[in-house]
Protein backbone atom coordinates (compact mmCIF):
# COMPACT_ATOMS: atom_id res chain seq x y z
CA UNK A 1 8.86 -6.93 -55.73
CA UNK A 2 9.62 -10.51 -55.22
CA UNK A 3 13.05 -10.02 -56.50
CA UNK A 4 13.71 -6.97 -54.16
CA UNK A 5 12.66 -9.15 -51.34
CA UNK A 6 15.23 -11.71 -52.27
CA UNK A 7 17.98 -9.01 -52.17
CA UNK A 8 16.87 -7.82 -48.75
CA UNK A 9 17.18 -11.21 -47.34
CA UNK A 10 20.24 -11.91 -49.09
CA UNK A 11 18.76 -14.78 -51.14
CA UNK A 12 19.31 -13.49 -54.56
CA UNK A 13 22.31 -15.56 -55.65
CA UNK A 14 20.22 -18.79 -56.02
CA UNK A 15 17.79 -17.21 -58.56
CA UNK A 16 20.45 -15.52 -60.74
CA UNK A 17 23.00 -18.41 -60.94
CA UNK A 18 22.12 -21.95 -61.68
CA UNK A 19 25.46 -23.42 -60.42
CA UNK A 20 27.21 -22.91 -57.10
CA UNK A 21 29.68 -19.92 -57.05
CA UNK A 22 33.16 -20.76 -56.77
CA UNK A 23 34.42 -20.64 -53.11
CA UNK A 24 30.95 -21.28 -51.85
CA UNK A 25 30.59 -24.17 -49.46
CA UNK A 26 28.28 -26.97 -50.81
CA UNK A 27 26.30 -27.07 -47.53
CA UNK A 28 25.75 -23.41 -47.14
CA UNK A 29 24.86 -23.23 -51.06
CA UNK A 30 22.14 -25.97 -50.53
CA UNK A 31 20.87 -24.25 -47.55
CA UNK A 32 20.80 -20.89 -49.39
CA UNK A 33 18.89 -22.40 -52.28
CA UNK A 34 16.44 -24.31 -50.02
CA UNK A 35 15.74 -21.09 -48.33
CA UNK A 36 15.05 -19.33 -51.88
CA UNK A 37 12.81 -22.10 -52.96
CA UNK A 38 10.74 -21.83 -49.65
CA UNK A 39 10.19 -18.08 -49.89
CA UNK A 40 9.01 -18.66 -53.58
CA UNK A 41 6.57 -21.17 -52.56
CA UNK A 42 5.35 -19.01 -49.68
CA UNK A 43 4.35 -16.14 -51.84
CA UNK A 44 3.20 -17.51 -55.13
CA UNK A 45 -0.58 -18.05 -55.84
CA UNK A 46 -2.18 -21.35 -55.22
CA UNK A 47 -3.10 -21.47 -58.75
CA UNK A 48 0.48 -21.74 -59.76
CA UNK A 49 1.83 -23.82 -56.92
CA UNK A 50 1.07 -27.21 -58.47
CA UNK A 51 2.98 -26.22 -61.65
CA UNK A 52 6.24 -25.66 -59.68
CA UNK A 53 5.71 -27.89 -56.58
CA UNK A 54 8.15 -30.40 -57.71
CA UNK A 55 11.03 -27.96 -58.35
CA UNK A 56 13.84 -27.94 -55.68
CA UNK A 57 16.28 -25.56 -57.55
CA UNK A 58 15.67 -22.02 -56.91
CA UNK A 59 16.97 -20.75 -60.41
CA UNK A 60 14.79 -23.35 -62.36
CA UNK A 61 11.84 -22.41 -60.06
CA UNK A 62 12.50 -18.67 -60.77
CA UNK A 63 12.78 -19.30 -64.56
CA UNK A 64 9.56 -21.32 -64.85
CA UNK A 65 7.72 -18.89 -63.19
CA UNK A 66 8.91 -16.01 -65.35
CA UNK A 67 7.95 -18.13 -68.36
CA UNK A 68 4.41 -18.70 -67.18
CA UNK A 69 3.91 -15.04 -65.85
CA UNK A 70 5.81 -12.91 -68.24
CA UNK A 71 5.65 -14.85 -71.43
CA UNK A 72 7.20 -12.81 -74.33
CA UNK A 73 4.65 -13.97 -76.72
CA UNK A 74 3.00 -11.46 -79.09
CA UNK A 75 -0.45 -12.31 -77.42
CA UNK A 76 0.88 -11.54 -73.87
CA UNK A 77 2.42 -8.36 -75.23
CA UNK A 78 -0.77 -7.21 -77.03
CA UNK A 79 -2.72 -7.90 -73.69
CA UNK A 80 -0.32 -5.70 -71.67
CA UNK A 81 -0.54 -2.88 -74.16
CA UNK A 82 -4.26 -3.15 -74.29
CA UNK A 83 -4.38 -2.96 -70.43
CA UNK A 84 -2.09 0.17 -70.56
CA UNK A 85 -4.14 2.12 -73.20
CA UNK A 86 -7.39 1.42 -71.54
CA UNK A 87 -6.16 2.56 -68.28
CA UNK A 88 -8.30 5.39 -67.11
CA UNK A 89 -8.36 7.84 -64.11
CA UNK A 90 -11.58 8.48 -62.37
CA UNK A 91 -12.42 11.67 -60.38
CA UNK A 92 -12.15 11.06 -56.79
CA UNK A 93 -9.38 8.12 -57.11
CA UNK A 94 -6.19 8.46 -55.50
CA UNK A 95 -3.75 9.91 -58.09
CA UNK A 96 -0.90 8.11 -56.62
CA UNK A 97 -2.83 4.83 -56.91
CA UNK A 98 -3.37 5.66 -60.57
CA UNK A 99 0.33 6.27 -61.08
CA UNK A 100 1.16 3.05 -59.58
CA UNK A 101 -1.05 1.24 -61.70
CA UNK A 102 0.30 2.99 -64.77
CA UNK A 103 3.86 2.24 -63.86
CA UNK A 104 3.26 -1.21 -62.92
CA UNK A 105 1.83 -1.99 -66.44
CA UNK A 106 4.86 -0.11 -68.10
CA UNK A 107 7.26 -2.38 -66.15
CA UNK A 108 5.62 -5.57 -67.19
CA UNK A 109 6.01 -4.51 -70.71
CA UNK A 110 9.49 -3.85 -70.06
CA UNK A 111 10.08 -7.29 -68.83
CA UNK A 112 8.72 -8.71 -72.05
CA UNK A 113 11.11 -6.72 -74.05
CA UNK A 114 8.57 -3.89 -74.77
CA UNK A 115 10.18 -0.74 -73.44
CA UNK A 116 8.29 2.36 -73.87
CA UNK A 117 10.10 5.82 -74.09
CA UNK A 118 9.74 8.33 -71.39
CA UNK A 119 7.76 10.79 -73.59
CA UNK A 120 5.50 8.07 -74.86
CA UNK A 121 4.84 7.20 -71.13
CA UNK A 122 4.08 10.80 -70.47
CA UNK A 123 1.48 11.09 -73.25
CA UNK A 124 -0.11 7.88 -72.35
CA UNK A 125 -0.53 9.02 -68.95
CA UNK A 126 -2.23 12.47 -69.99
CA UNK A 127 -4.45 10.53 -72.16
CA UNK A 128 -5.74 8.30 -69.17
CA UNK A 129 -7.12 11.46 -67.61
CA UNK A 130 -10.93 12.52 -68.07
CA UNK A 131 -12.21 15.65 -69.58
CA UNK A 132 -12.28 17.43 -66.38
CA UNK A 133 -8.67 17.61 -66.26
CA UNK A 134 -8.26 19.04 -70.26
CA UNK A 135 -7.16 22.36 -68.85
CA UNK A 136 -4.14 20.95 -67.13
CA UNK A 137 -3.38 18.86 -70.20
CA UNK A 138 -3.51 21.83 -72.50
CA UNK A 139 -1.21 23.78 -69.94
CA UNK A 140 1.26 21.24 -69.88
CA UNK A 141 1.51 20.73 -73.42
CA UNK A 142 2.05 24.28 -74.26
CA UNK A 143 4.56 24.80 -71.56
CA UNK A 144 6.62 21.77 -72.33
CA UNK A 145 10.50 22.71 -72.86
CA UNK A 146 11.27 21.80 -76.50
CA UNK A 147 7.69 20.66 -76.96
CA UNK A 148 8.60 17.41 -75.26
CA UNK A 149 7.13 16.24 -72.04
CA UNK A 150 8.51 13.85 -69.43
CA UNK A 151 7.08 11.38 -66.96
CA UNK A 152 8.78 13.50 -63.88
CA UNK A 153 7.01 16.61 -65.00
CA UNK A 154 3.56 15.09 -65.63
CA UNK A 155 3.42 12.92 -62.65
CA UNK A 156 4.34 15.93 -60.28
CA UNK A 157 1.86 18.34 -61.91
CA UNK A 158 -1.01 15.63 -61.68
CA UNK A 159 -0.09 15.26 -57.87
CA UNK A 160 -0.01 18.96 -57.29
CA UNK A 161 -3.31 19.53 -59.16
CA UNK A 162 -4.95 16.71 -57.11
CA UNK A 163 -3.83 18.66 -53.88
CA UNK A 164 -5.14 21.98 -55.29
CA UNK A 165 -8.62 20.53 -56.27
CA UNK A 166 -9.06 18.92 -52.78
CA UNK A 167 -8.47 22.21 -51.21
CA UNK A 168 -10.75 24.02 -53.51
CA UNK A 169 -13.24 21.45 -52.84
CA UNK A 170 -13.18 21.99 -49.05
CA UNK A 171 -13.26 25.75 -49.64
CA UNK A 172 -16.17 25.48 -52.10
CA UNK A 173 -18.19 23.30 -49.43
CA UNK A 174 -17.50 26.06 -46.89
CA UNK A 175 -18.80 28.66 -49.27
CA UNK A 176 -21.76 26.82 -50.27
CA UNK A 177 -22.71 26.59 -46.50
CA UNK A 178 -22.46 30.31 -45.96
CA UNK A 179 -24.35 31.06 -49.23
CA UNK A 180 -26.94 28.54 -48.28
CA UNK A 181 -27.32 30.18 -44.76
CA UNK A 182 -27.31 33.61 -46.29
CA UNK A 183 -30.04 32.56 -48.82
CA UNK A 184 -32.23 31.31 -46.06
CA UNK A 185 -31.72 34.41 -44.08
CA UNK A 186 -32.52 36.53 -47.11
CA UNK A 187 -35.73 34.46 -47.75
CA UNK A 188 -36.86 34.86 -44.20
CA UNK A 189 -36.23 38.72 -44.50
CA UNK A 190 -38.03 38.98 -47.78
CA UNK A 191 -40.87 37.04 -46.06
CA UNK A 192 -41.10 39.33 -43.18
CA UNK A 193 -40.90 42.24 -45.41
CA UNK A 194 -43.72 41.04 -47.44
CA UNK A 195 -45.73 40.15 -44.52
CA UNK A 196 -45.12 43.78 -43.17
CA UNK A 197 -46.13 45.17 -46.38
CA UNK A 198 -49.39 43.08 -46.61
CA UNK A 199 -50.11 44.01 -43.02
CA UNK A 200 -49.57 47.83 -43.91
CA UNK A 201 -51.63 47.42 -47.04
CA UNK A 202 -54.56 45.95 -45.05
CA UNK A 203 -54.26 48.60 -42.45
CA UNK A 204 -54.14 51.37 -45.20
CA UNK A 205 -57.17 49.86 -46.93
CA UNK A 206 -59.18 49.83 -43.72
CA UNK A 207 -61.88 52.39 -43.71
CA UNK A 208 -61.24 55.45 -41.49
CA UNK A 209 -64.03 54.95 -39.11
CA UNK A 210 -64.96 57.08 -35.96
CA UNK A 211 -65.18 55.57 -32.56
CA UNK A 212 -68.55 56.37 -30.85
CA UNK A 213 -67.08 56.24 -27.51
CA UNK A 214 -64.14 58.45 -27.71
CA UNK A 215 -64.96 60.20 -30.85
CA UNK A 216 -61.63 59.58 -32.48
CA UNK A 217 -60.90 58.44 -36.10
CA UNK A 218 -59.19 54.97 -36.90
CA UNK A 219 -61.13 52.40 -34.73
CA UNK A 220 -64.53 51.38 -33.63
CA UNK A 221 -66.05 51.43 -30.18
CA UNK A 222 -65.32 47.66 -29.49
CA UNK A 223 -61.63 48.32 -30.13
CA UNK A 224 -61.38 51.53 -28.21
CA UNK A 225 -58.81 51.33 -25.51
CA UNK A 226 -60.73 53.88 -23.40
CA UNK A 227 -63.91 51.95 -23.52
CA UNK A 228 -62.09 48.75 -22.49
CA UNK A 229 -60.33 50.38 -19.59
CA UNK A 230 -63.75 51.86 -18.39
CA UNK A 231 -65.31 48.64 -18.88
CA UNK A 232 -62.75 46.98 -16.41
CA UNK A 233 -63.26 49.88 -13.99
CA UNK A 234 -67.09 49.79 -14.37
CA UNK A 235 -67.12 53.64 -15.11
CA UNK A 236 -68.65 53.33 -18.85
CA UNK A 237 -69.33 57.04 -19.94
CA UNK A 238 -71.76 58.15 -22.63
CA UNK A 239 -70.73 57.96 -26.30
CA UNK A 240 -69.15 61.25 -27.55
CA UNK A 241 -70.04 60.61 -31.06
CA UNK A 242 -73.61 60.22 -32.24
CA UNK A 243 -73.90 59.24 -36.09
CA UNK A 244 -77.78 60.18 -35.99
CA UNK A 245 -77.44 63.57 -34.26
CA UNK A 246 -77.95 66.62 -36.35
CA UNK A 247 -75.72 69.46 -35.58
CA UNK A 248 -76.89 72.99 -34.99
CA UNK A 249 -74.06 74.50 -37.35
CA UNK A 250 -75.84 72.57 -40.13
CA UNK A 251 -72.77 70.48 -40.83
CA UNK A 252 -73.58 66.96 -42.03
CA UNK A 253 -71.41 63.86 -41.06
CA UNK A 254 -72.28 60.79 -43.01
CA UNK A 255 -71.42 57.28 -41.45
CA UNK A 256 -72.71 53.78 -42.30
CA UNK A 257 -74.86 51.04 -40.88
CA UNK A 258 -72.72 48.76 -38.45
CA UNK A 259 -74.49 45.73 -39.71
CA UNK A 260 -73.16 46.20 -43.24
CA UNK A 261 -69.46 46.67 -41.99
CA UNK A 262 -69.36 49.92 -44.20
CA UNK A 263 -67.81 53.07 -42.71
CA UNK A 264 -67.91 56.40 -44.65
CA UNK A 265 -67.75 60.12 -43.83
CA UNK A 266 -68.70 63.03 -46.06
CA UNK A 267 -68.04 66.70 -45.34
CA UNK A 268 -69.77 69.56 -47.56
CA UNK A 269 -67.86 72.66 -47.59
CA UNK A 270 -68.58 75.53 -49.79
CA UNK A 271 -70.27 73.96 -52.65
CA UNK A 272 -67.66 71.05 -52.60
CA UNK A 273 -67.74 67.61 -51.28
CA UNK A 274 -64.93 65.75 -49.89
CA UNK A 275 -64.67 62.15 -49.33
CA UNK A 276 -62.29 60.25 -47.12
CA UNK A 277 -63.64 56.76 -47.32
CA UNK A 278 -64.63 54.24 -50.16
CA UNK A 279 -67.03 55.12 -53.26
CA UNK A 280 -70.61 55.73 -52.57
CA UNK A 281 -73.60 56.50 -54.80
CA UNK A 282 -75.69 59.54 -53.88
CA UNK A 283 -79.21 60.37 -55.13
CA UNK A 284 -80.01 63.53 -56.57
CA UNK A 285 -77.70 65.91 -58.34
CA UNK A 286 -74.48 64.80 -56.34
CA UNK A 287 -73.94 61.69 -58.29
CA UNK A 288 -70.45 59.89 -57.24
CA UNK A 289 -68.16 60.11 -54.44
CA UNK A 290 -64.44 58.87 -54.78
CA UNK A 291 -62.09 57.97 -51.99
CA UNK A 292 -58.84 59.38 -50.58
CA UNK A 293 -59.83 62.99 -49.58
CA UNK A 294 -60.52 63.77 -53.47
CA UNK A 295 -62.50 66.87 -54.53
CA UNK A 296 -65.42 65.37 -56.32
CA UNK A 297 -67.50 67.83 -57.74
CA UNK A 298 -69.02 71.24 -57.16
CA UNK A 299 -72.55 70.96 -56.01
CA UNK A 300 -75.48 71.98 -58.07
CA UNK A 301 -77.36 75.08 -57.40
CA UNK A 302 -80.00 73.19 -55.79
CA UNK A 303 -77.97 71.79 -52.67
CA UNK A 304 -80.99 70.60 -50.48
CA UNK A 305 -81.16 67.12 -51.41
CA UNK A 306 -81.84 63.83 -49.66
CA UNK A 307 -78.91 61.50 -49.58
CA UNK A 308 -79.72 57.95 -48.83
CA UNK A 309 -77.06 55.68 -47.04
CA UNK A 310 -78.22 52.27 -46.25
CA UNK A 311 -81.29 52.97 -44.07
CA UNK A 312 -80.49 56.41 -42.91
CA UNK A 313 -81.26 59.91 -44.56
CA UNK A 314 -79.58 63.28 -44.01
CA UNK A 315 -80.31 66.81 -45.41
CA UNK A 316 -77.38 68.67 -47.18
CA UNK A 317 -77.93 72.32 -47.08
CA UNK A 318 -76.18 75.16 -48.79
CA UNK A 319 -75.24 76.87 -45.53
CA UNK A 320 -73.23 73.91 -44.35
CA UNK A 321 -69.76 74.35 -43.08
CA UNK A 322 -67.01 72.20 -41.65
CA UNK A 323 -67.41 70.93 -38.14
CA UNK A 324 -64.32 71.01 -35.97
CA UNK A 325 -65.09 68.05 -33.85
CA UNK A 326 -62.92 67.33 -30.71
CA UNK A 327 -61.16 64.14 -31.92
């Protein structure tokens, strides 16, 4: 790059020619030479300045620097070769920067008379890539014309692949955000569904009680909306349902004690008993009552038995029939 700078400033003649060219004015040549020396001293590293500070001839100064920096010794060549072989590309690094570093070492080898063929440069460049680029390496190797790679082909492919990966990375991040939001929505949906199912399960498992106030099944008196409404208006009516009342039609309805929070109802109809509530042990020939409106068993020939439920007693008689209550 320094040499290019001299050509741009028209100061290249003093570093490539030791003696004054023919036809060149002595004073003009001296000024040109002095300018070239000043530019070299301006841009060289401080660690080298003391080694060349006494030089006044641009050609001699340039030659000295070349001998110090670009020594053609085997040791210097070995160091450059090692640097080239160990050069590695890291994911996320700029591919253009990597190519510049690679080409810079190749140029330094060329200046010490170590020219590397184009195909060898291409292979060394591919070998500097990490394993995540193996697919591209295999593709380039299999598609190489006449089984020979070139630096131009490999360099263009690497730059294109870098662009493709960047675009795919942006797309992947967008998709990840969408999936993440969708996952959270689905999770919330499943939680809501589970809560509803649990709520339904609790409601299904709740005993079918009878409200004393309105006589309807499914709630208790404190939960009755008619009872609450009448409470607000101060017009409370007598209970429509009495669990201790014995009906004239000899149909027996069984309910539980409120204190034990157990709610049951049994209806005896034509020598069979139905249950619409949880299981209950009965004394006598009727032994077990199962839930969910199941037909339990036929009553024995002696149907007049005493059934004990909590602290209450009812008589079950053979002539019993279904009571159609106003619900």
